[in-house]
Amino acid sequence: MTETTINFEIEKENKNSVRYKEIPKDGMPPILGTLYVQKWYAGNSKKIEVIINKVD
């Protein structure tokens, strides 16, 4: 299993969700790109972190 941590920063607030854009690591392309999180969960968070695992 390979674990990767991806960081996001707020890009825009919509009616019921918050759009976050990925902060790619130096010289690497984005893995997920854009992420939408519901406002009830995102709250006032300006940055979020997502951990993903590749299961082979």
C-alpha atoms as a PDB file:
ATOM      1  CA  MET A   1       0.000   0.000   0.000  1.00  0.00           C
ATOM      2  CA  THR A   2       1.270   3.477  -0.896  1.00  0.00           C
ATOM      3  CA  GLU A   3       0.057   6.409   1.196  1.00  0.00           C
ATOM      4  CA  THR A   4       0.056   9.966  -0.178  1.00  0.00           C
ATOM      5  CA  THR A   5      -0.930  13.187   1.578  1.00  0.00           C
ATOM      6  CA  ILE A   6      -2.428  15.892  -0.641  1.00  0.00           C
ATOM      7  CA  ASN A   7      -2.845  19.490   0.530  1.00  0.00           C
ATOM      8  CA  PHE A   8      -5.605  21.808  -0.655  1.00  0.00           C
ATOM      9  CA  GLU A   9      -6.360  25.515  -0.197  1.00  0.00           C
ATOM     10  CA  ILE A  10      -9.706  27.261  -0.494  1.00  0.00           C
ATOM     11  CA  GLU A  11     -10.561  28.547  -3.939  1.00  0.00           C
ATOM     12  CA  LYS A  12     -14.254  29.469  -3.819  1.00  0.00           C
ATOM     13  CA  GLU A  13     -17.359  29.137  -1.657  1.00  0.00           C
ATOM     14  CA  ASN A  14     -20.606  28.007  -3.241  1.00  0.00           C
ATOM     15  CA  LYS A  15     -24.084  27.875  -1.737  1.00  0.00           C
ATOM     16  CA  ASN A  16     -23.670  24.504   0.006  1.00  0.00           C
ATOM     17  CA  SER A  17     -20.043  23.577  -0.629  1.00  0.00           C
ATOM     18  CA  VAL A  18     -16.491  24.877  -0.628  1.00  0.00           C
ATOM     19  CA  ARG A  19     -14.165  24.338  -3.584  1.00  0.00           C
ATOM     20  CA  TYR A  20     -10.539  23.611  -2.766  1.00  0.00           C
ATOM     21  CA  LYS A  21      -7.644  23.518  -5.218  1.00  0.00           C
ATOM     22  CA  GLU A  22      -4.731  21.157  -4.842  1.00  0.00           C
ATOM     23  CA  ILE A  23      -1.307  22.496  -3.969  1.00  0.00           C
ATOM     24  CA  PRO A  24       0.928  20.199  -6.046  1.00  0.00           C
ATOM     25  CA  LYS A  25       4.355  19.192  -4.804  1.00  0.00           C
ATOM     26  CA  ASP A  26       7.303  20.838  -6.560  1.00  0.00           C
ATOM     27  CA  GLY A  27       7.529  19.791 -10.203  1.00  0.00           C
ATOM     28  CA  MET A  28       4.646  17.307  -9.974  1.00  0.00           C
ATOM     29  CA  PRO A  29       1.248  17.528 -11.692  1.00  0.00           C
ATOM     30  CA  PRO A  30      -1.908  17.559  -9.524  1.00  0.00           C
ATOM     31  CA  ILE A  31      -3.222  14.172  -8.375  1.00  0.00           C
ATOM     32  CA  LEU A  32      -6.845  15.138  -7.673  1.00  0.00           C
ATOM     33  CA  GLY A  33      -7.018  18.761  -8.834  1.00  0.00           C
ATOM     34  CA  THR A  34     -10.247  20.233  -7.458  1.00  0.00           C
ATOM     35  CA  LEU A  35     -12.148  18.970  -4.443  1.00  0.00           C
ATOM     36  CA  TYR A  36     -15.638  19.979  -3.307  1.00  0.00           C
ATOM     37  CA  VAL A  37     -16.439  19.654   0.412  1.00  0.00           C
ATOM     38  CA  GLN A  38     -19.851  20.313   1.944  1.00  0.00           C
ATOM     39  CA  LYS A  39     -19.980  23.494   4.059  1.00  0.00           C
ATOM     40  CA  TRP A  40     -21.343  21.675   7.109  1.00  0.00           C
ATOM     41  CA  TYR A  41     -18.037  19.762   7.252  1.00  0.00           C
ATOM     42  CA  ALA A  42     -15.558  22.312   5.859  1.00  0.00           C
ATOM     43  CA  GLY A  43     -16.629  25.079   8.240  1.00  0.00           C
ATOM     44  CA  ASN A  44     -14.128  27.947   8.092  1.00  0.00           C
ATOM     45  CA  SER A  45     -11.126  25.822   7.068  1.00  0.00           C
ATOM     46  CA  LYS A  46      -8.879  27.652   4.615  1.00  0.00           C
ATOM     47  CA  LYS A  47      -6.711  24.549   4.059  1.00  0.00           C
ATOM     48  CA  ILE A  48      -7.454  20.850   4.182  1.00  0.00           C
ATOM     49  CA  GLU A  49      -5.407  17.686   3.863  1.00  0.00           C
ATOM     50  CA  VAL A  50      -6.465  14.419   2.221  1.00  0.00           C
ATOM     51  CA  ILE A  51      -4.661  11.106   2.650  1.00  0.00           C
ATOM     52  CA  ILE A  52      -5.148   8.490  -0.040  1.00  0.00           C
ATOM     53  CA  ASN A  53      -3.884   4.911  -0.273  1.00  0.00           C
ATOM     54  CA  LYS A  54      -3.210   2.931  -3.427  1.00  0.00           C
ATOM     55  CA  VAL A  55      -4.229  -0.649  -2.800  1.00  0.00           C
ATOM     56  CA  ASP A  56      -2.698  -3.091  -5.253  1.00  0.00           C
END
